[in-house]
């Protein structure tokens, strides 16, 4: 009896905050938003605390590149049950059969971590800015096979990216990234222009690009709103890069973005008010031109996107992946402008 008490007593204590927050969530819309935010972040913190144990254990048994897979799946299973949020995937076969490849997904908010947790394949690692190696996250990232990038040194950063490309080719490693470089959250489904970094890697590695489109979940999550429900994700057929060169990058970017944007509009729930007008085909061109003007200026000015995580998934053999924190900063003058392209490797959620 004492043994059972020792097991269930901690579970009771852990469940009390959840019950309390759920009670608060029932009081008002605002209370629900902040209570569910707390539950979501609390789940991330809990899983992050356990990740050190996962990393140490899997490293000992020679499976350190499965660390991110285990952590992501654990987070998804917990968050799904705590928040009653599910991710439904269409086209899973494209993800399973086309690897290795460069996995490109649209980026809306921190809720995308849930999508990553649902879809992330086994044998993954992270690429991140070098400064994180000396933070509390450093030991976990090192044990999970992370690749660190020195953002303050363009030469070393480019060498790290080249190493990532070699890794993709030789060890059949895939890369998961959010090529927009930062989040795009609005009532009407939209996407920012895509950065060049992932396309350079895909062509360098001669591996296909696998677009992953998450529906616009504005109805479920935006400031002041955090509801339960289902998030739809569609994995598109791979876009081959065999035989392409860097000269083909502009056309490749346009093709991939058009496919993703069309799919985003197709699978998203139509917003109640302006959607029918904004989503009509004849308005597509104007909207995209507006996007280019609005976001292109900041790109030309050399602004650096926020630091985030990037996931890389290894095919069937070994692994290593990427977590980027705004990997390269565009340098002015002599260093040229090509380094801005690697902002496209930015991903979900800045570690704290």
C-alpha atoms as a PDB file:
ATOM      1  CA  UNK A   1       0.000   0.000   0.000  1.00  0.00           C
ATOM      2  CA  UNK A   2       2.809   2.372   0.890  1.00  0.00           C
ATOM      3  CA  UNK A   3       4.364   1.657  -2.493  1.00  0.00           C
ATOM      4  CA  UNK A   4       1.181   2.697  -4.312  1.00  0.00           C
ATOM      5  CA  UNK A   5       0.931   5.846  -2.227  1.00  0.00           C
ATOM      6  CA  UNK A   6       4.520   6.768  -3.119  1.00  0.00           C
ATOM      7  CA  UNK A   7       3.607   6.493  -6.802  1.00  0.00           C
ATOM      8  CA  UNK A   8       0.243   8.245  -6.859  1.00  0.00           C
ATOM      9  CA  UNK A   9       0.962  10.998  -4.351  1.00  0.00           C
ATOM     10  CA  UNK A  10       3.326  12.905  -6.703  1.00  0.00           C
ATOM     11  CA  UNK A  11       0.792  12.499  -9.509  1.00  0.00           C
ATOM     12  CA  UNK A  12      -1.885  14.092  -7.355  1.00  0.00           C
ATOM     13  CA  UNK A  13       0.351  17.055  -6.558  1.00  0.00           C
ATOM     14  CA  UNK A  14       1.239  17.473 -10.220  1.00  0.00           C
ATOM     15  CA  UNK A  15      -2.413  17.343 -11.294  1.00  0.00           C
ATOM     16  CA  UNK A  16      -3.561  20.017  -8.815  1.00  0.00           C
ATOM     17  CA  UNK A  17      -2.143  22.979 -10.812  1.00  0.00           C
ATOM     18  CA  UNK A  18      -3.737  21.568 -13.975  1.00  0.00           C
ATOM     19  CA  UNK A  19      -7.130  21.309 -12.279  1.00  0.00           C
ATOM     20  CA  UNK A  20      -6.758  24.818 -10.865  1.00  0.00           C
ATOM     21  CA  UNK A  21      -5.861  26.297 -14.244  1.00  0.00           C
ATOM     22  CA  UNK A  22      -8.756  24.501 -15.922  1.00  0.00           C
ATOM     23  CA  UNK A  23     -11.072  26.021 -13.320  1.00  0.00           C
ATOM     24  CA  UNK A  24      -9.683  29.476 -14.065  1.00  0.00           C
ATOM     25  CA  UNK A  25     -10.117  28.839 -17.787  1.00  0.00           C
ATOM     26  CA  UNK A  26     -13.832  28.273 -17.250  1.00  0.00           C
ATOM     27  CA  UNK A  27     -14.361  31.715 -15.694  1.00  0.00           C
ATOM     28  CA  UNK A  28     -13.866  33.943 -18.751  1.00  0.00           C
ATOM     29  CA  UNK A  29     -12.395  34.146 -22.225  1.00  0.00           C
ATOM     30  CA  UNK A  30      -9.391  36.068 -20.923  1.00  0.00           C
ATOM     31  CA  UNK A  31      -8.930  33.630 -18.061  1.00  0.00           C
ATOM     32  CA  UNK A  32      -9.074  30.756 -20.520  1.00  0.00           C
ATOM     33  CA  UNK A  33      -6.415  32.333 -22.723  1.00  0.00           C
ATOM     34  CA  UNK A  34      -3.904  32.897 -19.934  1.00  0.00           C
ATOM     35  CA  UNK A  35      -4.655  29.594 -18.207  1.00  0.00           C
ATOM     36  CA  UNK A  36      -4.066  27.628 -21.414  1.00  0.00           C
ATOM     37  CA  UNK A  37      -0.945  29.676 -22.169  1.00  0.00           C
ATOM     38  CA  UNK A  38       0.374  28.713 -18.749  1.00  0.00           C
ATOM     39  CA  UNK A  39      -0.451  25.045 -19.336  1.00  0.00           C
ATOM     40  CA  UNK A  40       1.248  25.100 -22.747  1.00  0.00           C
ATOM     41  CA  UNK A  41       4.421  26.789 -21.525  1.00  0.00           C
ATOM     42  CA  UNK A  42       4.394  24.655 -18.377  1.00  0.00           C
ATOM     43  CA  UNK A  43       4.287  21.525 -20.524  1.00  0.00           C
ATOM     44  CA  UNK A  44       7.278  22.781 -22.509  1.00  0.00           C
ATOM     45  CA  UNK A  45       9.222  23.529 -19.331  1.00  0.00           C
ATOM     46  CA  UNK A  46       8.406  20.103 -17.882  1.00  0.00           C
ATOM     47  CA  UNK A  47       9.527  18.284 -21.018  1.00  0.00           C
ATOM     48  CA  UNK A  48      12.633  20.478 -21.260  1.00  0.00           C
ATOM     49  CA  UNK A  49      13.573  19.519 -17.708  1.00  0.00           C
ATOM     50  CA  UNK A  50      13.231  15.836 -18.582  1.00  0.00           C
ATOM     51  CA  UNK A  51      15.190  16.261 -21.814  1.00  0.00           C
ATOM     52  CA  UNK A  52      18.517  16.155 -19.976  1.00  0.00           C
ATOM     53  CA  UNK A  53      17.631  12.694 -18.678  1.00  0.00           C
ATOM     54  CA  UNK A  54      16.507  11.587 -22.146  1.00  0.00           C
ATOM     55  CA  UNK A  55      19.705  12.932 -23.697  1.00  0.00           C
ATOM     56  CA  UNK A  56      21.977  11.254 -21.164  1.00  0.00           C
ATOM     57  CA  UNK A  57      20.202   7.903 -21.384  1.00  0.00           C
ATOM     58  CA  UNK A  58      20.007   7.758 -25.173  1.00  0.00           C
ATOM     59  CA  UNK A  59      23.619   8.903 -25.528  1.00  0.00           C
ATOM     60  CA  UNK A  60      24.763   6.067 -23.275  1.00  0.00           C
ATOM     61  CA  UNK A  61      22.976   3.472 -25.429  1.00  0.00           C
ATOM     62  CA  UNK A  62      24.338   5.010 -28.645  1.00  0.00           C
ATOM     63  CA  UNK A  63      21.132   6.697 -29.811  1.00  0.00           C
ATOM     64  CA  UNK A  64      21.860  10.346 -29.125  1.00  0.00           C
ATOM     65  CA  UNK A  65      20.359  11.390 -32.447  1.00  0.00           C
ATOM     66  CA  UNK A  66      16.966  10.115 -31.297  1.00  0.00           C
ATOM     67  CA  UNK A  67      16.914  12.643 -28.460  1.00  0.00           C
ATOM     68  CA  UNK A  68      14.976  15.344 -30.306  1.00  0.00           C
ATOM     69  CA  UNK A  69      12.499  12.790 -31.651  1.00  0.00           C
ATOM     70  CA  UNK A  70      11.773  11.506 -28.137  1.00  0.00           C
ATOM     71  CA  UNK A  71      11.510  15.009 -26.672  1.00  0.00           C
ATOM     72  CA  UNK A  72       9.230  16.237 -29.482  1.00  0.00           C
ATOM     73  CA  UNK A  73       6.912  13.221 -29.308  1.00  0.00           C
ATOM     74  CA  UNK A  74       6.732  13.455 -25.520  1.00  0.00           C
ATOM     75  CA  UNK A  75       5.765  17.111 -25.729  1.00  0.00           C
ATOM     76  CA  UNK A  76       3.100  16.452 -28.359  1.00  0.00           C
ATOM     77  CA  UNK A  77       1.496  13.619 -26.400  1.00  0.00           C
ATOM     78  CA  UNK A  78       1.374  15.681 -23.202  1.00  0.00           C
ATOM     79  CA  UNK A  79       0.191  18.925 -24.806  1.00  0.00           C
ATOM     80  CA  UNK A  80      -2.420  17.114 -26.892  1.00  0.00           C
ATOM     81  CA  UNK A  81      -4.045  15.642 -23.805  1.00  0.00           C
ATOM     82  CA  UNK A  82      -3.653  18.643 -21.510  1.00  0.00           C
ATOM     83  CA  UNK A  83      -4.978  21.179 -24.039  1.00  0.00           C
ATOM     84  CA  UNK A  84      -7.220  18.940 -26.172  1.00  0.00           C
ATOM     85  CA  UNK A  85      -5.343  20.009 -29.303  1.00  0.00           C
ATOM     86  CA  UNK A  86      -4.740  17.477 -32.066  1.00  0.00           C
ATOM     87  CA  UNK A  87      -2.764  17.628 -35.296  1.00  0.00           C
ATOM     88  CA  UNK A  88      -4.224  15.766 -38.280  1.00  0.00           C
ATOM     89  CA  UNK A  89      -1.806  15.042 -41.118  1.00  0.00           C
ATOM     90  CA  UNK A  90      -2.610  14.522 -44.791  1.00  0.00           C
ATOM     91  CA  UNK A  91       0.132  13.267 -47.114  1.00  0.00           C
ATOM     92  CA  UNK A  92       2.246  11.551 -44.456  1.00  0.00           C
ATOM     93  CA  UNK A  93       3.500   9.210 -47.176  1.00  0.00           C
ATOM     94  CA  UNK A  94       5.430  12.061 -48.820  1.00  0.00           C
ATOM     95  CA  UNK A  95       7.312  12.609 -45.576  1.00  0.00           C
ATOM     96  CA  UNK A  96       8.002   8.909 -45.061  1.00  0.00           C
ATOM     97  CA  UNK A  97       9.022   8.019 -48.617  1.00  0.00           C
ATOM     98  CA  UNK A  98      10.963  11.079 -49.772  1.00  0.00           C
ATOM     99  CA  UNK A  99      13.516  11.353 -47.003  1.00  0.00           C
ATOM    100  CA  UNK A 100      16.164  12.540 -46.815  1.00  0.00           C
ATOM    101  CA  UNK A 101      15.154  15.996 -47.940  1.00  0.00           C
ATOM    102  CA  UNK A 102      14.719  19.596 -46.879  1.00  0.00           C
ATOM    103  CA  UNK A 103      11.446  19.903 -44.987  1.00  0.00           C
ATOM    104  CA  UNK A 104       9.999  23.411 -45.288  1.00  0.00           C
ATOM    105  CA  UNK A 105       7.002  24.492 -43.194  1.00  0.00           C
ATOM    106  CA  UNK A 106       5.091  27.749 -42.804  1.00  0.00           C
ATOM    107  CA  UNK A 107       5.513  29.460 -39.434  1.00  0.00           C
ATOM    108  CA  UNK A 108       2.674  31.116 -37.485  1.00  0.00           C
ATOM    109  CA  UNK A 109       3.344  31.029 -33.738  1.00  0.00           C
ATOM    110  CA  UNK A 110       4.789  29.012 -30.867  1.00  0.00           C
ATOM    111  CA  UNK A 111       1.930  26.567 -31.461  1.00  0.00           C
ATOM    112  CA  UNK A 112       3.988  25.266 -34.398  1.00  0.00           C
ATOM    113  CA  UNK A 113       6.040  23.333 -31.843  1.00  0.00           C
ATOM    114  CA  UNK A 114       2.996  21.092 -31.553  1.00  0.00           C
ATOM    115  CA  UNK A 115       3.148  20.407 -35.307  1.00  0.00           C
ATOM    116  CA  UNK A 116       6.874  19.689 -35.126  1.00  0.00           C
ATOM    117  CA  UNK A 117       6.231  17.278 -32.258  1.00  0.00           C
ATOM    118  CA  UNK A 118       3.592  15.439 -34.277  1.00  0.00           C
ATOM    119  CA  UNK A 119       5.631  15.122 -37.475  1.00  0.00           C
ATOM    120  CA  UNK A 120       9.283  14.970 -36.461  1.00  0.00           C
ATOM    121  CA  UNK A 121      10.928  11.743 -37.689  1.00  0.00           C
ATOM    122  CA  UNK A 122      13.471   9.740 -35.730  1.00  0.00           C
ATOM    123  CA  UNK A 123      17.187  10.497 -35.513  1.00  0.00           C
ATOM    124  CA  UNK A 124      17.195  14.259 -35.320  1.00  0.00           C
ATOM    125  CA  UNK A 125      19.587  16.855 -34.053  1.00  0.00           C
ATOM    126  CA  UNK A 126      19.790  20.626 -33.803  1.00  0.00           C
ATOM    127  CA  UNK A 127      21.879  23.424 -35.254  1.00  0.00           C
ATOM    128  CA  UNK A 128      22.016  26.555 -33.138  1.00  0.00           C
ATOM    129  CA  UNK A 129      24.019  29.693 -32.490  1.00  0.00           C
ATOM    130  CA  UNK A 130      27.267  28.954 -30.722  1.00  0.00           C
ATOM    131  CA  UNK A 131      26.433  31.093 -27.682  1.00  0.00           C
ATOM    132  CA  UNK A 132      23.765  28.579 -26.624  1.00  0.00           C
ATOM    133  CA  UNK A 133      26.516  26.032 -26.087  1.00  0.00           C
ATOM    134  CA  UNK A 134      27.419  27.892 -22.892  1.00  0.00           C
ATOM    135  CA  UNK A 135      23.889  28.181 -21.469  1.00  0.00           C
ATOM    136  CA  UNK A 136      21.896  25.688 -19.350  1.00  0.00           C
ATOM    137  CA  UNK A 137      20.624  24.288 -22.660  1.00  0.00           C
ATOM    138  CA  UNK A 138      24.185  23.597 -23.802  1.00  0.00           C
ATOM    139  CA  UNK A 139      24.708  20.138 -22.242  1.00  0.00           C
ATOM    140  CA  UNK A 140      21.422  18.830 -23.648  1.00  0.00           C
ATOM    141  CA  UNK A 141      22.152  20.223 -27.111  1.00  0.00           C
ATOM    142  CA  UNK A 142      25.681  18.827 -27.091  1.00  0.00           C
ATOM    143  CA  UNK A 143      24.470  15.374 -26.053  1.00  0.00           C
ATOM    144  CA  UNK A 144      21.839  15.436 -28.801  1.00  0.00           C
ATOM    145  CA  UNK A 145      24.507  16.035 -31.455  1.00  0.00           C
ATOM    146  CA  UNK A 146      23.794  19.715 -32.053  1.00  0.00           C
ATOM    147  CA  UNK A 147      25.761  21.692 -34.633  1.00  0.00           C
ATOM    148  CA  UNK A 148      26.722  25.141 -33.369  1.00  0.00           C
ATOM    149  CA  UNK A 149      27.096  28.188 -35.630  1.00  0.00           C
ATOM    150  CA  UNK A 150      29.214  31.230 -34.838  1.00  0.00           C
ATOM    151  CA  UNK A 151      26.930  34.059 -35.941  1.00  0.00           C
ATOM    152  CA  UNK A 152      29.625  36.645 -35.354  1.00  0.00           C
ATOM    153  CA  UNK A 153      31.921  35.112 -37.949  1.00  0.00           C
ATOM    154  CA  UNK A 154      30.553  34.823 -41.486  1.00  0.00           C
ATOM    155  CA  UNK A 155      33.340  32.528 -42.633  1.00  0.00           C
ATOM    156  CA  UNK A 156      32.790  30.038 -39.819  1.00  0.00           C
ATOM    157  CA  UNK A 157      29.019  30.251 -40.206  1.00  0.00           C
ATOM    158  CA  UNK A 158      29.244  29.435 -43.904  1.00  0.00           C
ATOM    159  CA  UNK A 159      31.612  26.572 -43.114  1.00  0.00           C
ATOM    160  CA  UNK A 160      29.008  25.195 -40.692  1.00  0.00           C
ATOM    161  CA  UNK A 161      26.309  25.431 -43.353  1.00  0.00           C
ATOM    162  CA  UNK A 162      28.548  23.685 -45.863  1.00  0.00           C
ATOM    163  CA  UNK A 163      29.159  20.975 -43.278  1.00  0.00           C
ATOM    164  CA  UNK A 164      25.397  20.620 -42.864  1.00  0.00           C
ATOM    165  CA  UNK A 165      25.063  20.162 -46.622  1.00  0.00           C
ATOM    166  CA  UNK A 166      27.774  17.501 -46.640  1.00  0.00           C
ATOM    167  CA  UNK A 167      26.054  15.773 -43.750  1.00  0.00           C
ATOM    168  CA  UNK A 168      22.756  15.699 -45.633  1.00  0.00           C
ATOM    169  CA  UNK A 169      24.413  14.041 -48.609  1.00  0.00           C
ATOM    170  CA  UNK A 170      26.739  11.583 -46.940  1.00  0.00           C
ATOM    171  CA  UNK A 171      24.643  10.519 -43.952  1.00  0.00           C
ATOM    172  CA  UNK A 172      21.179  10.876 -45.485  1.00  0.00           C
ATOM    173  CA  UNK A 173      20.129  13.562 -43.060  1.00  0.00           C
ATOM    174  CA  UNK A 174      17.058  15.703 -43.616  1.00  0.00           C
ATOM    175  CA  UNK A 175      16.562  19.283 -42.515  1.00  0.00           C
ATOM    176  CA  UNK A 176      13.378  20.808 -41.072  1.00  0.00           C
ATOM    177  CA  UNK A 177      13.113  24.575 -41.331  1.00  0.00           C
ATOM    178  CA  UNK A 178      10.689  27.496 -41.469  1.00  0.00           C
ATOM    179  CA  UNK A 179      11.938  29.348 -44.575  1.00  0.00           C
ATOM    180  CA  UNK A 180       9.907  32.511 -43.919  1.00  0.00           C
ATOM    181  CA  UNK A 181      12.461  33.348 -41.248  1.00  0.00           C
ATOM    182  CA  UNK A 182       9.897  34.646 -38.748  1.00  0.00           C
ATOM    183  CA  UNK A 183       6.279  34.202 -37.753  1.00  0.00           C
ATOM    184  CA  UNK A 184       3.263  35.208 -39.841  1.00  0.00           C
ATOM    185  CA  UNK A 185       0.021  35.373 -37.868  1.00  0.00           C
ATOM    186  CA  UNK A 186      -3.089  36.977 -39.351  1.00  0.00           C
ATOM    187  CA  UNK A 187      -6.788  36.275 -39.807  1.00  0.00           C
ATOM    188  CA  UNK A 188      -6.351  35.840 -43.548  1.00  0.00           C
ATOM    189  CA  UNK A 189      -4.007  32.978 -44.601  1.00  0.00           C
ATOM    190  CA  UNK A 190      -0.732  34.467 -45.832  1.00  0.00           C
ATOM    191  CA  UNK A 191       3.005  33.833 -46.024  1.00  0.00           C
ATOM    192  CA  UNK A 192       6.091  36.004 -46.063  1.00  0.00           C
ATOM    193  CA  UNK A 193       8.694  35.768 -48.834  1.00  0.00           C
ATOM    194  CA  UNK A 194      10.943  32.732 -48.356  1.00  0.00           C
ATOM    195  CA  UNK A 195      14.625  33.078 -47.475  1.00  0.00           C
ATOM    196  CA  UNK A 196      17.281  31.484 -49.668  1.00  0.00           C
ATOM    197  CA  UNK A 197      19.274  29.444 -47.147  1.00  0.00           C
ATOM    198  CA  UNK A 198      17.250  26.237 -47.307  1.00  0.00           C
ATOM    199  CA  UNK A 199      17.146  26.323 -51.093  1.00  0.00           C
ATOM    200  CA  UNK A 200      20.932  26.644 -51.278  1.00  0.00           C
ATOM    201  CA  UNK A 201      21.263  23.603 -49.016  1.00  0.00           C
ATOM    202  CA  UNK A 202      18.734  21.607 -51.033  1.00  0.00           C
ATOM    203  CA  UNK A 203      20.546  22.290 -54.302  1.00  0.00           C
ATOM    204  CA  UNK A 204      23.977  21.772 -52.767  1.00  0.00           C
ATOM    205  CA  UNK A 205      22.833  18.400 -51.421  1.00  0.00           C
ATOM    206  CA  UNK A 206      20.746  17.614 -54.537  1.00  0.00           C
ATOM    207  CA  UNK A 207      17.938  16.518 -52.212  1.00  0.00           C
ATOM    208  CA  UNK A 208      14.212  17.194 -52.706  1.00  0.00           C
ATOM    209  CA  UNK A 209      12.292  19.913 -50.906  1.00  0.00           C
ATOM    210  CA  UNK A 210       9.261  18.621 -49.011  1.00  0.00           C
ATOM    211  CA  UNK A 211       6.766  21.446 -48.338  1.00  0.00           C
ATOM    212  CA  UNK A 212       4.715  21.099 -45.139  1.00  0.00           C
ATOM    213  CA  UNK A 213       1.695  23.376 -44.810  1.00  0.00           C
ATOM    214  CA  UNK A 214      -0.107  24.002 -41.522  1.00  0.00           C
ATOM    215  CA  UNK A 215      -3.550  25.530 -41.892  1.00  0.00           C
ATOM    216  CA  UNK A 216      -4.171  29.052 -40.637  1.00  0.00           C
ATOM    217  CA  UNK A 217      -5.227  28.319 -37.046  1.00  0.00           C
ATOM    218  CA  UNK A 218      -6.165  31.915 -36.186  1.00  0.00           C
ATOM    219  CA  UNK A 219      -9.600  30.650 -35.096  1.00  0.00           C
ATOM    220  CA  UNK A 220      -7.887  28.539 -32.416  1.00  0.00           C
ATOM    221  CA  UNK A 221      -4.974  30.711 -31.368  1.00  0.00           C
ATOM    222  CA  UNK A 222      -4.147  34.406 -31.429  1.00  0.00           C
ATOM    223  CA  UNK A 223      -3.791  37.091 -28.787  1.00  0.00           C
ATOM    224  CA  UNK A 224      -6.680  36.687 -26.356  1.00  0.00           C
ATOM    225  CA  UNK A 225      -7.871  33.398 -27.875  1.00  0.00           C
ATOM    226  CA  UNK A 226      -6.602  29.879 -27.152  1.00  0.00           C
ATOM    227  CA  UNK A 227      -9.171  27.163 -27.881  1.00  0.00           C
ATOM    228  CA  UNK A 228      -9.068  23.398 -28.224  1.00  0.00           C
ATOM    229  CA  UNK A 229      -9.608  21.701 -31.572  1.00  0.00           C
ATOM    230  CA  UNK A 230      -7.881  20.148 -34.568  1.00  0.00           C
ATOM    231  CA  UNK A 231      -5.013  21.635 -36.589  1.00  0.00           C
ATOM    232  CA  UNK A 232      -4.800  20.337 -40.148  1.00  0.00           C
ATOM    233  CA  UNK A 233      -1.428  19.805 -41.812  1.00  0.00           C
ATOM    234  CA  UNK A 234      -0.783  18.762 -45.406  1.00  0.00           C
ATOM    235  CA  UNK A 235       2.555  17.366 -46.598  1.00  0.00           C
ATOM    236  CA  UNK A 236       2.988  18.148 -50.311  1.00  0.00           C
ATOM    237  CA  UNK A 237       4.754  15.978 -52.907  1.00  0.00           C
ATOM    238  CA  UNK A 238       8.542  16.476 -52.960  1.00  0.00           C
ATOM    239  CA  UNK A 239       9.969  19.142 -55.264  1.00  0.00           C
ATOM    240  CA  UNK A 240      13.091  17.672 -56.923  1.00  0.00           C
ATOM    241  CA  UNK A 241      16.329  19.644 -57.077  1.00  0.00           C
ATOM    242  CA  UNK A 242      18.443  17.134 -59.022  1.00  0.00           C
ATOM    243  CA  UNK A 243      20.358  18.914 -61.762  1.00  0.00           C
ATOM    244  CA  UNK A 244      19.526  22.404 -60.480  1.00  0.00           C
ATOM    245  CA  UNK A 245      22.156  25.052 -59.781  1.00  0.00           C
ATOM    246  CA  UNK A 246      22.192  28.231 -57.719  1.00  0.00           C
ATOM    247  CA  UNK A 247      20.983  30.092 -60.802  1.00  0.00           C
ATOM    248  CA  UNK A 248      17.680  28.237 -60.452  1.00  0.00           C
ATOM    249  CA  UNK A 249      17.071  29.386 -56.863  1.00  0.00           C
ATOM    250  CA  UNK A 250      14.743  32.350 -57.638  1.00  0.00           C
ATOM    251  CA  UNK A 251      12.423  30.191 -59.760  1.00  0.00           C
ATOM    252  CA  UNK A 252      12.564  27.386 -57.196  1.00  0.00           C
ATOM    253  CA  UNK A 253      11.615  29.758 -54.383  1.00  0.00           C
ATOM    254  CA  UNK A 254       8.662  31.084 -56.383  1.00  0.00           C
ATOM    255  CA  UNK A 255       7.447  27.594 -57.238  1.00  0.00           C
ATOM    256  CA  UNK A 256       7.622  26.300 -53.664  1.00  0.00           C
ATOM    257  CA  UNK A 257       6.033  29.408 -52.155  1.00  0.00           C
ATOM    258  CA  UNK A 258       3.171  29.356 -54.673  1.00  0.00           C
ATOM    259  CA  UNK A 259       2.451  25.703 -53.879  1.00  0.00           C
ATOM    260  CA  UNK A 260       2.506  26.332 -50.142  1.00  0.00           C
ATOM    261  CA  UNK A 261       0.387  29.490 -50.308  1.00  0.00           C
ATOM    262  CA  UNK A 262      -2.245  27.861 -52.536  1.00  0.00           C
ATOM    263  CA  UNK A 263      -2.432  24.889 -50.172  1.00  0.00           C
ATOM    264  CA  UNK A 264      -2.595  27.158 -47.119  1.00  0.00           C
ATOM    265  CA  UNK A 265      -5.621  28.930 -48.572  1.00  0.00           C
ATOM    266  CA  UNK A 266      -7.213  25.651 -49.579  1.00  0.00           C
ATOM    267  CA  UNK A 267      -7.018  23.870 -46.212  1.00  0.00           C
ATOM    268  CA  UNK A 268      -7.627  26.868 -43.946  1.00  0.00           C
ATOM    269  CA  UNK A 269     -11.016  27.640 -42.456  1.00  0.00           C
ATOM    270  CA  UNK A 270     -12.399  30.742 -44.161  1.00  0.00           C
ATOM    271  CA  UNK A 271     -12.358  33.757 -41.810  1.00  0.00           C
ATOM    272  CA  UNK A 272     -15.797  35.069 -40.977  1.00  0.00           C
ATOM    273  CA  UNK A 273     -15.550  38.574 -42.381  1.00  0.00           C
ATOM    274  CA  UNK A 274     -13.070  39.569 -45.046  1.00  0.00           C
ATOM    275  CA  UNK A 275     -11.967  36.107 -46.075  1.00  0.00           C
ATOM    276  CA  UNK A 276     -14.184  35.484 -49.041  1.00  0.00           C
ATOM    277  CA  UNK A 277     -12.866  38.665 -50.565  1.00  0.00           C
ATOM    278  CA  UNK A 278      -9.208  38.198 -49.587  1.00  0.00           C
ATOM    279  CA  UNK A 279      -8.971  34.597 -50.676  1.00  0.00           C
ATOM    280  CA  UNK A 280     -10.333  35.033 -54.200  1.00  0.00           C
ATOM    281  CA  UNK A 281      -7.796  34.152 -56.925  1.00  0.00           C
ATOM    282  CA  UNK A 282      -7.960  37.569 -58.557  1.00  0.00           C
ATOM    283  CA  UNK A 283      -6.643  39.146 -55.379  1.00  0.00           C
ATOM    284  CA  UNK A 284      -3.780  36.706 -55.010  1.00  0.00           C
ATOM    285  CA  UNK A 285      -1.334  38.653 -57.114  1.00  0.00           C
ATOM    286  CA  UNK A 286      -1.946  41.947 -55.349  1.00  0.00           C
ATOM    287  CA  UNK A 287      -1.645  40.349 -51.951  1.00  0.00           C
ATOM    288  CA  UNK A 288       1.673  38.738 -52.811  1.00  0.00           C
ATOM    289  CA  UNK A 289       2.984  42.001 -54.211  1.00  0.00           C
ATOM    290  CA  UNK A 290       2.024  43.683 -50.959  1.00  0.00           C
ATOM    291  CA  UNK A 291       3.823  40.988 -49.007  1.00  0.00           C
ATOM    292  CA  UNK A 292       6.951  41.470 -51.060  1.00  0.00           C
ATOM    293  CA  UNK A 293       6.908  45.238 -50.567  1.00  0.00           C
ATOM    294  CA  UNK A 294       6.213  45.069 -46.866  1.00  0.00           C
ATOM    295  CA  UNK A 295       8.717  42.416 -45.970  1.00  0.00           C
ATOM    296  CA  UNK A 296      11.201  42.924 -48.778  1.00  0.00           C
ATOM    297  CA  UNK A 297      12.217  46.295 -47.396  1.00  0.00           C
ATOM    298  CA  UNK A 298      13.371  44.849 -44.131  1.00  0.00           C
ATOM    299  CA  UNK A 299      15.294  42.184 -46.004  1.00  0.00           C
ATOM    300  CA  UNK A 300      17.044  44.789 -48.126  1.00  0.00           C
ATOM    301  CA  UNK A 301      17.907  46.765 -45.031  1.00  0.00           C
ATOM    302  CA  UNK A 302      19.649  43.714 -43.690  1.00  0.00           C
ATOM    303  CA  UNK A 303      17.469  43.137 -40.646  1.00  0.00           C
ATOM    304  CA  UNK A 304      18.053  39.928 -38.813  1.00  0.00           C
ATOM    305  CA  UNK A 305      15.164  37.727 -37.833  1.00  0.00           C
ATOM    306  CA  UNK A 306      14.599  36.522 -34.285  1.00  0.00           C
ATOM    307  CA  UNK A 307      16.625  33.653 -32.956  1.00  0.00           C
ATOM    308  CA  UNK A 308      14.738  30.374 -33.052  1.00  0.00           C
ATOM    309  CA  UNK A 309      15.132  26.635 -33.225  1.00  0.00           C
ATOM    310  CA  UNK A 310      15.521  24.559 -36.370  1.00  0.00           C
ATOM    311  CA  UNK A 311      14.984  20.858 -36.545  1.00  0.00           C
ATOM    312  CA  UNK A 312      16.832  18.412 -38.702  1.00  0.00           C
ATOM    313  CA  UNK A 313      15.747  14.885 -39.171  1.00  0.00           C
ATOM    314  CA  UNK A 314      18.028  12.107 -40.139  1.00  0.00           C
ATOM    315  CA  UNK A 315      16.797   9.540 -42.534  1.00  0.00           C
ATOM    316  CA  UNK A 316      17.309   5.953 -41.653  1.00  0.00           C
ATOM    317  CA  UNK A 317      20.954   5.913 -40.814  1.00  0.00           C
ATOM    318  CA  UNK A 318      22.406   8.507 -38.554  1.00  0.00           C
ATOM    319  CA  UNK A 319      21.554  12.074 -37.889  1.00  0.00           C
ATOM    320  CA  UNK A 320      22.134  15.552 -37.038  1.00  0.00           C
ATOM    321  CA  UNK A 321      20.050  18.461 -37.533  1.00  0.00           C
ATOM    322  CA  UNK A 322      19.662  21.979 -37.296  1.00  0.00           C
ATOM    323  CA  UNK A 323      18.491  24.626 -34.940  1.00  0.00           C
ATOM    324  CA  UNK A 324      19.169  28.021 -36.117  1.00  0.00           C
ATOM    325  CA  UNK A 325      19.118  31.219 -34.426  1.00  0.00           C
ATOM    326  CA  UNK A 326      19.001  33.565 -37.295  1.00  0.00           C
ATOM    327  CA  UNK A 327      22.019  31.760 -38.498  1.00  0.00           C
ATOM    328  CA  UNK A 328      23.758  34.442 -40.451  1.00  0.00           C
ATOM    329  CA  UNK A 329      23.475  38.178 -40.316  1.00  0.00           C
ATOM    330  CA  UNK A 330      23.753  40.131 -43.505  1.00  0.00           C
ATOM    331  CA  UNK A 331      26.961  42.067 -43.366  1.00  0.00           C
ATOM    332  CA  UNK A 332      27.406  45.401 -44.999  1.00  0.00           C
ATOM    333  CA  UNK A 333      30.105  46.520 -47.368  1.00  0.00           C
ATOM    334  CA  UNK A 334      32.731  44.021 -48.348  1.00  0.00           C
ATOM    335  CA  UNK A 335      31.215  40.920 -46.863  1.00  0.00           C
ATOM    336  CA  UNK A 336      28.488  41.040 -49.457  1.00  0.00           C
ATOM    337  CA  UNK A 337      24.772  40.377 -49.211  1.00  0.00           C
ATOM    338  CA  UNK A 338      24.446  36.648 -49.681  1.00  0.00           C
ATOM    339  CA  UNK A 339      24.624  35.834 -45.968  1.00  0.00           C
ATOM    340  CA  UNK A 340      21.112  37.154 -45.310  1.00  0.00           C
ATOM    341  CA  UNK A 341      19.727  34.108 -47.053  1.00  0.00           C
ATOM    342  CA  UNK A 342      20.463  31.928 -44.053  1.00  0.00           C
ATOM    343  CA  UNK A 343      17.902  33.701 -41.935  1.00  0.00           C
ATOM    344  CA  UNK A 344      15.563  31.201 -43.554  1.00  0.00           C
ATOM    345  CA  UNK A 345      16.814  28.550 -41.179  1.00  0.00           C
ATOM    346  CA  UNK A 346      15.055  30.165 -38.255  1.00  0.00           C
ATOM    347  CA  UNK A 347      12.536  27.963 -36.494  1.00  0.00           C
ATOM    348  CA  UNK A 348      10.261  27.627 -33.612  1.00  0.00           C
ATOM    349  CA  UNK A 349      10.532  29.094 -30.182  1.00  0.00           C
ATOM    350  CA  UNK A 350      13.536  30.870 -28.785  1.00  0.00           C
ATOM    351  CA  UNK A 351      15.041  28.868 -25.909  1.00  0.00           C
ATOM    352  CA  UNK A 352      15.137  30.642 -22.582  1.00  0.00           C
END
